[in-house]
């Protein structure tokens, strides 16, 4: 795959990574896309709700890859960055499906476990389902944001071994604003200047623990009494994420699931896009020093914030550069 050349021309009146993260989020138009929901059963007996863009609204081109969008921490298919991209790609003729991770669709999932940054077994289950269900899914292209970007890259790195049976059905992966090193990025989000974001994540995750405990009062891993011990996001991962998903502690969980360690194994065309002022990411993972495989391109933009990339003027019908880049990447992927 040829190197994709595209420059981000940022919205000049917005200085700094925080404004470039928050304002684009607030300005995104809600309710752009109509979805048809499908519930699929996972190998462990749990379920995932996936949302397909309503194909009656616009004709899709079956010669193009089916796009699977992976959202970030505590997001879902209705998150502005997901729905906006789904709408933009569907208008260009792509069939699009947006995942809702376990517990993120509005309905608590059936097992005590949740989702996490490295849960590629759920991504693989959706990819396999799309490939065997017929329709336009002759090949899949994955696009992930933040936590979903980490999942995307880890999945791409596992394609030649763990998910080898899916390898020929996957065309490539695109990942935006990725916490490549989960431990370092957890520490970054806990810096004093990022407490606004961290507190929102902790509240949302804590509310899910309380809800699930009411449904599953016998699940010791969901004990809400532990919530009083949480001061930073790593505490939540130590007390809940790690034990719920089979890890001894947060550090073990971070080490096993950071996509940084999977980048050398990627052989399918993959693009990673980081903003140099992303407040969620540690400096090391938003720099050009990250080592990638020959099939992977790393692009560091000047500005953009976390999943922001607002532009001063629209290109190809969008004010969001991530939408424009994704469309151009998909076109090049199909060449």
C-alpha atoms as a PDB file:
ATOM      1  CA  UNK A   1       0.000   0.000   0.000  1.00  0.00           C
ATOM      2  CA  UNK A   2       1.356   3.433  -0.941  1.00  0.00           C
ATOM      3  CA  UNK A   3       2.059   6.018   1.746  1.00  0.00           C
ATOM      4  CA  UNK A   4      -0.984   8.239   2.177  1.00  0.00           C
ATOM      5  CA  UNK A   5      -0.119  11.921   1.976  1.00  0.00           C
ATOM      6  CA  UNK A   6      -2.664  14.193   3.633  1.00  0.00           C
ATOM      7  CA  UNK A   7      -2.010  17.257   5.780  1.00  0.00           C
ATOM      8  CA  UNK A   8      -4.242  18.313   8.639  1.00  0.00           C
ATOM      9  CA  UNK A   9      -5.044  22.020   8.429  1.00  0.00           C
ATOM     10  CA  UNK A  10      -6.266  22.711  11.934  1.00  0.00           C
ATOM     11  CA  UNK A  11      -8.920  25.178  13.030  1.00  0.00           C
ATOM     12  CA  UNK A  12      -6.608  28.100  13.867  1.00  0.00           C
ATOM     13  CA  UNK A  13      -8.672  29.854  16.582  1.00  0.00           C
ATOM     14  CA  UNK A  14      -8.347  26.803  18.871  1.00  0.00           C
ATOM     15  CA  UNK A  15      -5.020  26.807  20.735  1.00  0.00           C
ATOM     16  CA  UNK A  16      -3.895  23.755  22.689  1.00  0.00           C
ATOM     17  CA  UNK A  17      -4.887  20.137  22.936  1.00  0.00           C
ATOM     18  CA  UNK A  18      -7.685  20.594  25.456  1.00  0.00           C
ATOM     19  CA  UNK A  19      -9.755  23.009  23.354  1.00  0.00           C
ATOM     20  CA  UNK A  20      -9.004  20.952  20.249  1.00  0.00           C
ATOM     21  CA  UNK A  21     -10.413  17.918  22.090  1.00  0.00           C
ATOM     22  CA  UNK A  22     -13.468  19.441  23.785  1.00  0.00           C
ATOM     23  CA  UNK A  23     -14.908  21.856  21.206  1.00  0.00           C
ATOM     24  CA  UNK A  24     -15.018  19.370  18.299  1.00  0.00           C
ATOM     25  CA  UNK A  25     -16.855  16.981  20.631  1.00  0.00           C
ATOM     26  CA  UNK A  26     -19.420  19.648  21.519  1.00  0.00           C
ATOM     27  CA  UNK A  27     -19.918  20.781  17.911  1.00  0.00           C
ATOM     28  CA  UNK A  28     -20.602  17.362  16.425  1.00  0.00           C
ATOM     29  CA  UNK A  29     -24.141  16.999  15.087  1.00  0.00           C
ATOM     30  CA  UNK A  30     -26.142  14.323  16.892  1.00  0.00           C
ATOM     31  CA  UNK A  31     -28.487  11.840  15.214  1.00  0.00           C
ATOM     32  CA  UNK A  32     -26.818  11.960  11.807  1.00  0.00           C
ATOM     33  CA  UNK A  33     -27.134   8.287  11.070  1.00  0.00           C
ATOM     34  CA  UNK A  34     -29.932   5.713  11.289  1.00  0.00           C
ATOM     35  CA  UNK A  35     -28.908   2.261  12.497  1.00  0.00           C
ATOM     36  CA  UNK A  36     -30.419  -1.206  12.371  1.00  0.00           C
ATOM     37  CA  UNK A  37     -29.421  -3.086  15.521  1.00  0.00           C
ATOM     38  CA  UNK A  38     -28.365  -6.718  15.579  1.00  0.00           C
ATOM     39  CA  UNK A  39     -27.577  -8.745  18.691  1.00  0.00           C
ATOM     40  CA  UNK A  40     -24.991 -11.475  18.257  1.00  0.00           C
ATOM     41  CA  UNK A  41     -24.154 -14.269  20.692  1.00  0.00           C
ATOM     42  CA  UNK A  42     -20.505 -14.563  21.696  1.00  0.00           C
ATOM     43  CA  UNK A  43     -18.622 -17.842  22.237  1.00  0.00           C
ATOM     44  CA  UNK A  44     -18.776 -17.408  26.031  1.00  0.00           C
ATOM     45  CA  UNK A  45     -22.569 -17.026  25.966  1.00  0.00           C
ATOM     46  CA  UNK A  46     -22.601 -13.246  26.375  1.00  0.00           C
ATOM     47  CA  UNK A  47     -23.863 -10.895  23.670  1.00  0.00           C
ATOM     48  CA  UNK A  48     -22.848  -7.835  21.683  1.00  0.00           C
ATOM     49  CA  UNK A  49     -25.146  -5.296  20.087  1.00  0.00           C
ATOM     50  CA  UNK A  50     -23.808  -4.123  16.737  1.00  0.00           C
ATOM     51  CA  UNK A  51     -25.406  -1.360  14.693  1.00  0.00           C
ATOM     52  CA  UNK A  52     -25.526  -1.418  10.895  1.00  0.00           C
ATOM     53  CA  UNK A  53     -26.082   1.849   9.051  1.00  0.00           C
ATOM     54  CA  UNK A  54     -29.533   1.729   7.481  1.00  0.00           C
ATOM     55  CA  UNK A  55     -28.795   0.820   3.867  1.00  0.00           C
ATOM     56  CA  UNK A  56     -32.177   2.023   2.628  1.00  0.00           C
ATOM     57  CA  UNK A  57     -31.044   5.589   3.233  1.00  0.00           C
ATOM     58  CA  UNK A  58     -28.241   5.404   0.678  1.00  0.00           C
ATOM     59  CA  UNK A  59     -27.094   2.748  -1.783  1.00  0.00           C
ATOM     60  CA  UNK A  60     -23.897   0.929  -0.844  1.00  0.00           C
ATOM     61  CA  UNK A  61     -21.269  -0.357  -3.260  1.00  0.00           C
ATOM     62  CA  UNK A  62     -20.643  -4.064  -2.691  1.00  0.00           C
ATOM     63  CA  UNK A  63     -17.221  -3.826  -4.347  1.00  0.00           C
ATOM     64  CA  UNK A  64     -16.006  -1.752  -1.389  1.00  0.00           C
ATOM     65  CA  UNK A  65     -14.921  -3.185   1.965  1.00  0.00           C
ATOM     66  CA  UNK A  66     -17.396  -3.322   4.823  1.00  0.00           C
ATOM     67  CA  UNK A  67     -16.220  -0.878   7.490  1.00  0.00           C
ATOM     68  CA  UNK A  68     -16.293  -1.861  11.173  1.00  0.00           C
ATOM     69  CA  UNK A  69     -15.938   1.100  13.571  1.00  0.00           C
ATOM     70  CA  UNK A  70     -14.597   0.535  17.105  1.00  0.00           C
ATOM     71  CA  UNK A  71     -15.402   3.213  19.696  1.00  0.00           C
ATOM     72  CA  UNK A  72     -13.391   4.469  22.634  1.00  0.00           C
ATOM     73  CA  UNK A  73     -13.667   4.154  26.422  1.00  0.00           C
ATOM     74  CA  UNK A  74     -17.298   4.511  27.542  1.00  0.00           C
ATOM     75  CA  UNK A  75     -18.405   5.401  24.024  1.00  0.00           C
ATOM     76  CA  UNK A  76     -20.888   3.617  21.769  1.00  0.00           C
ATOM     77  CA  UNK A  77     -22.242   3.646  18.223  1.00  0.00           C
ATOM     78  CA  UNK A  78     -24.005   6.961  18.890  1.00  0.00           C
ATOM     79  CA  UNK A  79     -20.840   8.795  19.991  1.00  0.00           C
ATOM     80  CA  UNK A  80     -20.360  11.807  17.765  1.00  0.00           C
ATOM     81  CA  UNK A  81     -17.025  10.732  16.300  1.00  0.00           C
ATOM     82  CA  UNK A  82     -18.433   7.260  15.495  1.00  0.00           C
ATOM     83  CA  UNK A  83     -21.812   8.305  14.099  1.00  0.00           C
ATOM     84  CA  UNK A  84     -20.232  11.168  12.157  1.00  0.00           C
ATOM     85  CA  UNK A  85     -17.731   8.856  10.489  1.00  0.00           C
ATOM     86  CA  UNK A  86     -20.406   6.219   9.835  1.00  0.00           C
ATOM     87  CA  UNK A  87     -22.573   8.822   8.100  1.00  0.00           C
ATOM     88  CA  UNK A  88     -19.680  10.209   6.045  1.00  0.00           C
ATOM     89  CA  UNK A  89     -18.535   6.792   4.830  1.00  0.00           C
ATOM     90  CA  UNK A  90     -22.046   5.581   4.115  1.00  0.00           C
ATOM     91  CA  UNK A  91     -22.700   8.658   1.981  1.00  0.00           C
ATOM     92  CA  UNK A  92     -19.651   7.579  -0.035  1.00  0.00           C
ATOM     93  CA  UNK A  93     -21.167   4.139  -0.665  1.00  0.00           C
ATOM     94  CA  UNK A  94     -19.606   2.041   2.115  1.00  0.00           C
ATOM     95  CA  UNK A  95     -21.517  -0.465   4.208  1.00  0.00           C
ATOM     96  CA  UNK A  96     -20.765   0.448   7.826  1.00  0.00           C
ATOM     97  CA  UNK A  97     -21.217  -1.366  11.127  1.00  0.00           C
ATOM     98  CA  UNK A  98     -20.480   0.203  14.510  1.00  0.00           C
ATOM     99  CA  UNK A  99     -19.739  -2.009  17.481  1.00  0.00           C
ATOM    100  CA  UNK A 100     -21.095  -1.451  20.997  1.00  0.00           C
ATOM    101  CA  UNK A 101     -18.778  -3.113  23.483  1.00  0.00           C
ATOM    102  CA  UNK A 102     -20.197  -5.252  26.273  1.00  0.00           C
ATOM    103  CA  UNK A 103     -22.360  -3.034  28.459  1.00  0.00           C
ATOM    104  CA  UNK A 104     -22.147  -0.023  26.116  1.00  0.00           C
ATOM    105  CA  UNK A 105     -25.343  -0.471  24.095  1.00  0.00           C
ATOM    106  CA  UNK A 106     -27.710   0.697  26.822  1.00  0.00           C
ATOM    107  CA  UNK A 107     -28.300  -2.840  28.111  1.00  0.00           C
ATOM    108  CA  UNK A 108     -25.979  -4.469  30.692  1.00  0.00           C
ATOM    109  CA  UNK A 109     -24.246  -7.533  29.296  1.00  0.00           C
ATOM    110  CA  UNK A 110     -24.977 -10.986  30.695  1.00  0.00           C
ATOM    111  CA  UNK A 111     -21.656 -11.837  32.387  1.00  0.00           C
ATOM    112  CA  UNK A 112     -19.782 -10.093  35.220  1.00  0.00           C
ATOM    113  CA  UNK A 113     -16.970  -9.156  32.814  1.00  0.00           C
ATOM    114  CA  UNK A 114     -17.038  -5.948  30.754  1.00  0.00           C
ATOM    115  CA  UNK A 115     -14.963  -4.855  27.784  1.00  0.00           C
ATOM    116  CA  UNK A 116     -11.341  -3.732  27.924  1.00  0.00           C
ATOM    117  CA  UNK A 117      -8.557  -2.265  25.792  1.00  0.00           C
ATOM    118  CA  UNK A 118      -7.266  -5.618  24.572  1.00  0.00           C
ATOM    119  CA  UNK A 119     -10.500  -7.625  24.202  1.00  0.00           C
ATOM    120  CA  UNK A 120      -9.834  -8.594  20.595  1.00  0.00           C
ATOM    121  CA  UNK A 121     -11.879 -11.775  21.011  1.00  0.00           C
ATOM    122  CA  UNK A 122     -14.988  -9.598  20.709  1.00  0.00           C
ATOM    123  CA  UNK A 123     -13.635  -7.789  17.653  1.00  0.00           C
ATOM    124  CA  UNK A 124     -12.828 -11.149  16.069  1.00  0.00           C
ATOM    125  CA  UNK A 125     -16.346 -12.410  16.817  1.00  0.00           C
ATOM    126  CA  UNK A 126     -17.887  -9.442  15.007  1.00  0.00           C
ATOM    127  CA  UNK A 127     -15.516  -9.725  12.038  1.00  0.00           C
ATOM    128  CA  UNK A 128     -16.292 -13.450  11.730  1.00  0.00           C
ATOM    129  CA  UNK A 129     -20.018 -12.754  11.954  1.00  0.00           C
ATOM    130  CA  UNK A 130     -19.890 -10.103   9.223  1.00  0.00           C
ATOM    131  CA  UNK A 131     -17.840 -12.330   6.938  1.00  0.00           C
ATOM    132  CA  UNK A 132     -20.145 -15.319   7.223  1.00  0.00           C
ATOM    133  CA  UNK A 133     -23.435 -13.415   7.182  1.00  0.00           C
ATOM    134  CA  UNK A 134     -23.274 -12.618   3.483  1.00  0.00           C
ATOM    135  CA  UNK A 135     -24.272  -9.265   2.035  1.00  0.00           C
ATOM    136  CA  UNK A 136     -21.561  -6.698   1.330  1.00  0.00           C
ATOM    137  CA  UNK A 137     -19.034  -8.082   3.817  1.00  0.00           C
ATOM    138  CA  UNK A 138     -16.653  -9.693   1.325  1.00  0.00           C
ATOM    139  CA  UNK A 139     -13.801  -7.949   3.119  1.00  0.00           C
ATOM    140  CA  UNK A 140     -13.550  -5.927   6.319  1.00  0.00           C
ATOM    141  CA  UNK A 141     -11.691  -2.695   7.046  1.00  0.00           C
ATOM    142  CA  UNK A 142     -11.416  -1.740  10.714  1.00  0.00           C
ATOM    143  CA  UNK A 143     -11.335   1.820  12.033  1.00  0.00           C
ATOM    144  CA  UNK A 144     -10.780   2.366  15.750  1.00  0.00           C
ATOM    145  CA  UNK A 145     -10.667   5.389  18.033  1.00  0.00           C
ATOM    146  CA  UNK A 146      -8.682   5.609  21.283  1.00  0.00           C
ATOM    147  CA  UNK A 147      -9.390   2.363  23.216  1.00  0.00           C
ATOM    148  CA  UNK A 148     -10.934   1.034  19.985  1.00  0.00           C
ATOM    149  CA  UNK A 149      -7.747   2.027  18.179  1.00  0.00           C
ATOM    150  CA  UNK A 150      -5.713  -0.051  20.626  1.00  0.00           C
ATOM    151  CA  UNK A 151      -8.039  -2.995  20.016  1.00  0.00           C
ATOM    152  CA  UNK A 152      -7.781  -2.468  16.265  1.00  0.00           C
ATOM    153  CA  UNK A 153      -3.971  -2.520  16.270  1.00  0.00           C
ATOM    154  CA  UNK A 154      -3.730  -5.469  18.663  1.00  0.00           C
ATOM    155  CA  UNK A 155      -6.180  -7.382  16.456  1.00  0.00           C
ATOM    156  CA  UNK A 156      -4.163  -6.531  13.321  1.00  0.00           C
ATOM    157  CA  UNK A 157      -1.001  -7.753  15.072  1.00  0.00           C
ATOM    158  CA  UNK A 158      -2.698 -11.030  15.984  1.00  0.00           C
ATOM    159  CA  UNK A 159      -4.114 -11.776  12.525  1.00  0.00           C
ATOM    160  CA  UNK A 160      -1.322 -14.109  11.447  1.00  0.00           C
ATOM    161  CA  UNK A 161      -1.603 -16.315  14.526  1.00  0.00           C
ATOM    162  CA  UNK A 162      -4.503 -15.964  16.951  1.00  0.00           C
ATOM    163  CA  UNK A 163      -7.043 -14.945  14.288  1.00  0.00           C
ATOM    164  CA  UNK A 164      -5.416 -16.564  11.263  1.00  0.00           C
ATOM    165  CA  UNK A 165      -8.752 -17.892   9.962  1.00  0.00           C
ATOM    166  CA  UNK A 166      -9.926 -14.286   9.512  1.00  0.00           C
ATOM    167  CA  UNK A 167      -6.736 -13.012   7.882  1.00  0.00           C
ATOM    168  CA  UNK A 168      -7.882 -13.200   4.256  1.00  0.00           C
ATOM    169  CA  UNK A 169     -11.134 -11.405   5.082  1.00  0.00           C
ATOM    170  CA  UNK A 170      -9.474  -8.323   6.579  1.00  0.00           C
ATOM    171  CA  UNK A 171      -8.153  -5.624   4.228  1.00  0.00           C
ATOM    172  CA  UNK A 172      -6.566  -3.286   6.746  1.00  0.00           C
ATOM    173  CA  UNK A 173      -6.843  -1.169   9.865  1.00  0.00           C
ATOM    174  CA  UNK A 174      -6.911   2.540  10.685  1.00  0.00           C
ATOM    175  CA  UNK A 175      -6.436   3.734  14.272  1.00  0.00           C
ATOM    176  CA  UNK A 176      -6.867   7.259  15.640  1.00  0.00           C
ATOM    177  CA  UNK A 177      -5.651   8.700  18.980  1.00  0.00           C
ATOM    178  CA  UNK A 178      -4.289   5.390  20.257  1.00  0.00           C
ATOM    179  CA  UNK A 179      -2.978   4.766  23.807  1.00  0.00           C
ATOM    180  CA  UNK A 180      -0.298   2.450  22.451  1.00  0.00           C
ATOM    181  CA  UNK A 181       1.264   2.078  25.910  1.00  0.00           C
ATOM    182  CA  UNK A 182      -1.662   1.605  28.287  1.00  0.00           C
ATOM    183  CA  UNK A 183       0.365   2.087  31.444  1.00  0.00           C
ATOM    184  CA  UNK A 184       1.998   5.323  30.326  1.00  0.00           C
ATOM    185  CA  UNK A 185      -1.294   6.691  28.993  1.00  0.00           C
ATOM    186  CA  UNK A 186      -3.110   5.773  32.208  1.00  0.00           C
ATOM    187  CA  UNK A 187      -0.534   7.836  34.081  1.00  0.00           C
ATOM    188  CA  UNK A 188      -1.014  10.654  31.549  1.00  0.00           C
ATOM    189  CA  UNK A 189      -4.787  10.797  32.034  1.00  0.00           C
ATOM    190  CA  UNK A 190      -4.212  11.062  35.793  1.00  0.00           C
ATOM    191  CA  UNK A 191      -2.159  14.243  35.537  1.00  0.00           C
ATOM    192  CA  UNK A 192      -3.829  17.208  37.300  1.00  0.00           C
ATOM    193  CA  UNK A 193      -4.624  18.967  34.005  1.00  0.00           C
ATOM    194  CA  UNK A 194      -6.587  15.924  32.843  1.00  0.00           C
ATOM    195  CA  UNK A 195      -8.755  15.389  35.919  1.00  0.00           C
ATOM    196  CA  UNK A 196     -11.879  16.597  34.078  1.00  0.00           C
ATOM    197  CA  UNK A 197     -11.621  13.696  31.630  1.00  0.00           C
ATOM    198  CA  UNK A 198     -10.550  11.158  34.240  1.00  0.00           C
ATOM    199  CA  UNK A 199     -13.390  12.011  36.615  1.00  0.00           C
ATOM    200  CA  UNK A 200     -15.952  11.544  33.848  1.00  0.00           C
ATOM    201  CA  UNK A 201     -14.543   8.121  32.986  1.00  0.00           C
ATOM    202  CA  UNK A 202     -14.433   7.030  36.627  1.00  0.00           C
ATOM    203  CA  UNK A 203     -18.024   8.146  37.241  1.00  0.00           C
ATOM    204  CA  UNK A 204     -19.338   6.364  34.159  1.00  0.00           C
ATOM    205  CA  UNK A 205     -17.454   3.150  34.902  1.00  0.00           C
ATOM    206  CA  UNK A 206     -18.455   3.248  38.577  1.00  0.00           C
ATOM    207  CA  UNK A 207     -22.120   3.648  37.650  1.00  0.00           C
ATOM    208  CA  UNK A 208     -21.836   0.478  35.551  1.00  0.00           C
ATOM    209  CA  UNK A 209     -20.364  -1.436  38.485  1.00  0.00           C
ATOM    210  CA  UNK A 210     -23.299  -0.394  40.688  1.00  0.00           C
ATOM    211  CA  UNK A 211     -25.834  -1.309  37.997  1.00  0.00           C
ATOM    212  CA  UNK A 212     -24.310  -4.729  37.356  1.00  0.00           C
ATOM    213  CA  UNK A 213     -23.997  -5.472  41.055  1.00  0.00           C
ATOM    214  CA  UNK A 214     -27.735  -4.915  41.463  1.00  0.00           C
ATOM    215  CA  UNK A 215     -28.300  -7.445  38.674  1.00  0.00           C
ATOM    216  CA  UNK A 216     -25.585  -9.871  39.826  1.00  0.00           C
ATOM    217  CA  UNK A 217     -25.334  -9.443  43.619  1.00  0.00           C
ATOM    218  CA  UNK A 218     -23.401 -12.707  44.027  1.00  0.00           C
ATOM    219  CA  UNK A 219     -20.526 -11.638  41.750  1.00  0.00           C
ATOM    220  CA  UNK A 220     -17.729 -10.797  44.201  1.00  0.00           C
ATOM    221  CA  UNK A 221     -15.705  -9.070  41.457  1.00  0.00           C
ATOM    222  CA  UNK A 222     -18.454  -6.417  41.220  1.00  0.00           C
ATOM    223  CA  UNK A 223     -18.407  -5.440  44.913  1.00  0.00           C
ATOM    224  CA  UNK A 224     -19.345  -1.727  44.876  1.00  0.00           C
ATOM    225  CA  UNK A 225     -17.688  -1.181  48.282  1.00  0.00           C
ATOM    226  CA  UNK A 226     -14.367  -1.104  46.427  1.00  0.00           C
ATOM    227  CA  UNK A 227     -15.428   2.057  44.583  1.00  0.00           C
ATOM    228  CA  UNK A 228     -14.577   4.193  47.611  1.00  0.00           C
ATOM    229  CA  UNK A 229     -10.907   3.309  47.073  1.00  0.00           C
ATOM    230  CA  UNK A 230     -10.775   4.729  43.551  1.00  0.00           C
ATOM    231  CA  UNK A 231      -8.868   7.988  43.182  1.00  0.00           C
ATOM    232  CA  UNK A 232      -7.421   7.586  39.683  1.00  0.00           C
ATOM    233  CA  UNK A 233      -8.267   5.471  36.641  1.00  0.00           C
ATOM    234  CA  UNK A 234      -5.514   2.963  37.412  1.00  0.00           C
ATOM    235  CA  UNK A 235      -7.283   2.207  40.696  1.00  0.00           C
ATOM    236  CA  UNK A 236     -10.377   1.156  38.745  1.00  0.00           C
ATOM    237  CA  UNK A 237      -8.244  -1.089  36.547  1.00  0.00           C
ATOM    238  CA  UNK A 238      -6.556  -2.592  39.625  1.00  0.00           C
ATOM    239  CA  UNK A 239      -9.810  -3.261  41.459  1.00  0.00           C
ATOM    240  CA  UNK A 240     -12.136  -4.185  38.604  1.00  0.00           C
ATOM    241  CA  UNK A 241     -10.774  -4.336  35.050  1.00  0.00           C
ATOM    242  CA  UNK A 242      -7.835  -6.624  35.833  1.00  0.00           C
ATOM    243  CA  UNK A 243      -9.541  -9.201  38.103  1.00  0.00           C
ATOM    244  CA  UNK A 244     -12.725  -9.299  35.986  1.00  0.00           C
ATOM    245  CA  UNK A 245     -10.671 -10.229  32.929  1.00  0.00           C
ATOM    246  CA  UNK A 246      -8.121 -12.621  34.412  1.00  0.00           C
ATOM    247  CA  UNK A 247      -5.181 -10.326  35.215  1.00  0.00           C
ATOM    248  CA  UNK A 248      -3.374 -10.060  38.545  1.00  0.00           C
ATOM    249  CA  UNK A 249      -3.363  -6.267  38.591  1.00  0.00           C
ATOM    250  CA  UNK A 250      -3.492  -3.175  36.392  1.00  0.00           C
ATOM    251  CA  UNK A 251       0.198  -3.331  35.448  1.00  0.00           C
ATOM    252  CA  UNK A 252      -0.164  -6.923  34.238  1.00  0.00           C
ATOM    253  CA  UNK A 253      -3.282  -5.964  32.279  1.00  0.00           C
ATOM    254  CA  UNK A 254      -1.526  -2.973  30.698  1.00  0.00           C
ATOM    255  CA  UNK A 255       1.539  -4.987  29.714  1.00  0.00           C
ATOM    256  CA  UNK A 256      -0.497  -7.780  28.100  1.00  0.00           C
ATOM    257  CA  UNK A 257      -2.802  -5.524  26.108  1.00  0.00           C
ATOM    258  CA  UNK A 258      -0.782  -2.495  24.992  1.00  0.00           C
ATOM    259  CA  UNK A 259      -0.859  -2.485  21.188  1.00  0.00           C
ATOM    260  CA  UNK A 260       2.713  -1.141  21.110  1.00  0.00           C
ATOM    261  CA  UNK A 261       3.958  -4.695  21.536  1.00  0.00           C
ATOM    262  CA  UNK A 262       1.865  -5.953  18.622  1.00  0.00           C
ATOM    263  CA  UNK A 263       2.919  -3.353  16.024  1.00  0.00           C
ATOM    264  CA  UNK A 264       5.928  -5.355  14.712  1.00  0.00           C
ATOM    265  CA  UNK A 265       3.623  -8.286  13.852  1.00  0.00           C
ATOM    266  CA  UNK A 266       1.238  -6.316  11.635  1.00  0.00           C
ATOM    267  CA  UNK A 267       1.383  -7.416   7.987  1.00  0.00           C
ATOM    268  CA  UNK A 268      -1.879  -5.966   6.633  1.00  0.00           C
ATOM    269  CA  UNK A 269      -1.988  -2.314   5.484  1.00  0.00           C
ATOM    270  CA  UNK A 270      -2.428  -0.235   8.619  1.00  0.00           C
ATOM    271  CA  UNK A 271      -2.397   3.472   9.403  1.00  0.00           C
ATOM    272  CA  UNK A 272      -1.927   5.010  12.869  1.00  0.00           C
ATOM    273  CA  UNK A 273      -2.792   8.688  13.353  1.00  0.00           C
ATOM    274  CA  UNK A 274      -1.788  10.611  16.493  1.00  0.00           C
ATOM    275  CA  UNK A 275      -1.993  14.321  17.300  1.00  0.00           C
ATOM    276  CA  UNK A 276       1.136  15.813  18.821  1.00  0.00           C
ATOM    277  CA  UNK A 277      -0.942  17.674  21.441  1.00  0.00           C
ATOM    278  CA  UNK A 278      -3.320  14.871  22.440  1.00  0.00           C
ATOM    279  CA  UNK A 279      -3.853  15.358  26.203  1.00  0.00           C
ATOM    280  CA  UNK A 280      -4.802  11.689  26.721  1.00  0.00           C
ATOM    281  CA  UNK A 281      -1.580  10.239  25.299  1.00  0.00           C
ATOM    282  CA  UNK A 282       1.891  10.093  26.808  1.00  0.00           C
ATOM    283  CA  UNK A 283       4.543  11.996  24.817  1.00  0.00           C
ATOM    284  CA  UNK A 284       6.240   8.773  23.734  1.00  0.00           C
ATOM    285  CA  UNK A 285       3.200   7.413  21.878  1.00  0.00           C
ATOM    286  CA  UNK A 286       2.466  10.644  20.030  1.00  0.00           C
ATOM    287  CA  UNK A 287       5.913  10.955  18.512  1.00  0.00           C
ATOM    288  CA  UNK A 288       7.529   9.740  15.319  1.00  0.00           C
ATOM    289  CA  UNK A 289       9.877   7.503  17.349  1.00  0.00           C
ATOM    290  CA  UNK A 290       7.261   4.728  17.609  1.00  0.00           C
ATOM    291  CA  UNK A 291       8.545   1.661  15.739  1.00  0.00           C
ATOM    292  CA  UNK A 292       6.123   0.117  13.262  1.00  0.00           C
ATOM    293  CA  UNK A 293       6.209  -2.748  10.764  1.00  0.00           C
ATOM    294  CA  UNK A 294       6.858  -2.176   7.030  1.00  0.00           C
ATOM    295  CA  UNK A 295       3.121  -2.498   6.315  1.00  0.00           C
ATOM    296  CA  UNK A 296       2.220   0.201   8.844  1.00  0.00           C
ATOM    297  CA  UNK A 297       2.281   3.955   8.419  1.00  0.00           C
ATOM    298  CA  UNK A 298       2.461   6.305  11.410  1.00  0.00           C
ATOM    299  CA  UNK A 299       1.253   9.869  10.929  1.00  0.00           C
ATOM    300  CA  UNK A 300       1.734  12.517  13.630  1.00  0.00           C
ATOM    301  CA  UNK A 301      -0.332  15.630  13.033  1.00  0.00           C
ATOM    302  CA  UNK A 302       0.453  19.106  14.236  1.00  0.00           C
ATOM    303  CA  UNK A 303      -2.519  19.690  16.514  1.00  0.00           C
ATOM    304  CA  UNK A 304      -5.835  17.905  16.588  1.00  0.00           C
ATOM    305  CA  UNK A 305      -6.370  16.997  20.245  1.00  0.00           C
ATOM    306  CA  UNK A 306      -7.921  13.647  21.164  1.00  0.00           C
ATOM    307  CA  UNK A 307     -10.266  12.439  18.408  1.00  0.00           C
ATOM    308  CA  UNK A 308     -10.817  16.096  17.486  1.00  0.00           C
ATOM    309  CA  UNK A 309      -9.218  17.246  14.203  1.00  0.00           C
ATOM    310  CA  UNK A 310     -11.658  20.077  13.509  1.00  0.00           C
ATOM    311  CA  UNK A 311     -10.930  22.007  10.287  1.00  0.00           C
ATOM    312  CA  UNK A 312     -11.579  25.635   9.371  1.00  0.00           C
ATOM    313  CA  UNK A 313     -13.340  24.675   6.146  1.00  0.00           C
ATOM    314  CA  UNK A 314     -14.975  21.450   4.996  1.00  0.00           C
ATOM    315  CA  UNK A 315     -13.333  18.930   2.709  1.00  0.00           C
ATOM    316  CA  UNK A 316     -15.423  16.306   0.932  1.00  0.00           C
ATOM    317  CA  UNK A 317     -18.452  17.396   2.951  1.00  0.00           C
ATOM    318  CA  UNK A 318     -16.942  17.228   6.438  1.00  0.00           C
ATOM    319  CA  UNK A 319     -15.357  19.642   8.906  1.00  0.00           C
ATOM    320  CA  UNK A 320     -13.589  16.724  10.612  1.00  0.00           C
ATOM    321  CA  UNK A 321     -10.246  15.696   9.182  1.00  0.00           C
ATOM    322  CA  UNK A 322     -10.505  12.173  10.592  1.00  0.00           C
ATOM    323  CA  UNK A 323     -13.564  11.601   8.368  1.00  0.00           C
ATOM    324  CA  UNK A 324     -11.752  12.909   5.297  1.00  0.00           C
ATOM    325  CA  UNK A 325      -8.621  10.867   6.017  1.00  0.00           C
ATOM    326  CA  UNK A 326     -10.625   7.686   6.619  1.00  0.00           C
ATOM    327  CA  UNK A 327     -12.412   8.021   3.284  1.00  0.00           C
ATOM    328  CA  UNK A 328      -9.182   8.619   1.366  1.00  0.00           C
ATOM    329  CA  UNK A 329      -7.482   5.745   3.160  1.00  0.00           C
ATOM    330  CA  UNK A 330     -10.315   3.397   2.236  1.00  0.00           C
ATOM    331  CA  UNK A 331     -10.142   4.461  -1.397  1.00  0.00           C
ATOM    332  CA  UNK A 332      -6.405   3.811  -1.490  1.00  0.00           C
ATOM    333  CA  UNK A 333      -6.871   0.509   0.352  1.00  0.00           C
ATOM    334  CA  UNK A 334      -9.122  -0.715  -2.436  1.00  0.00           C
ATOM    335  CA  UNK A 335      -6.684   0.183  -5.216  1.00  0.00           C
END
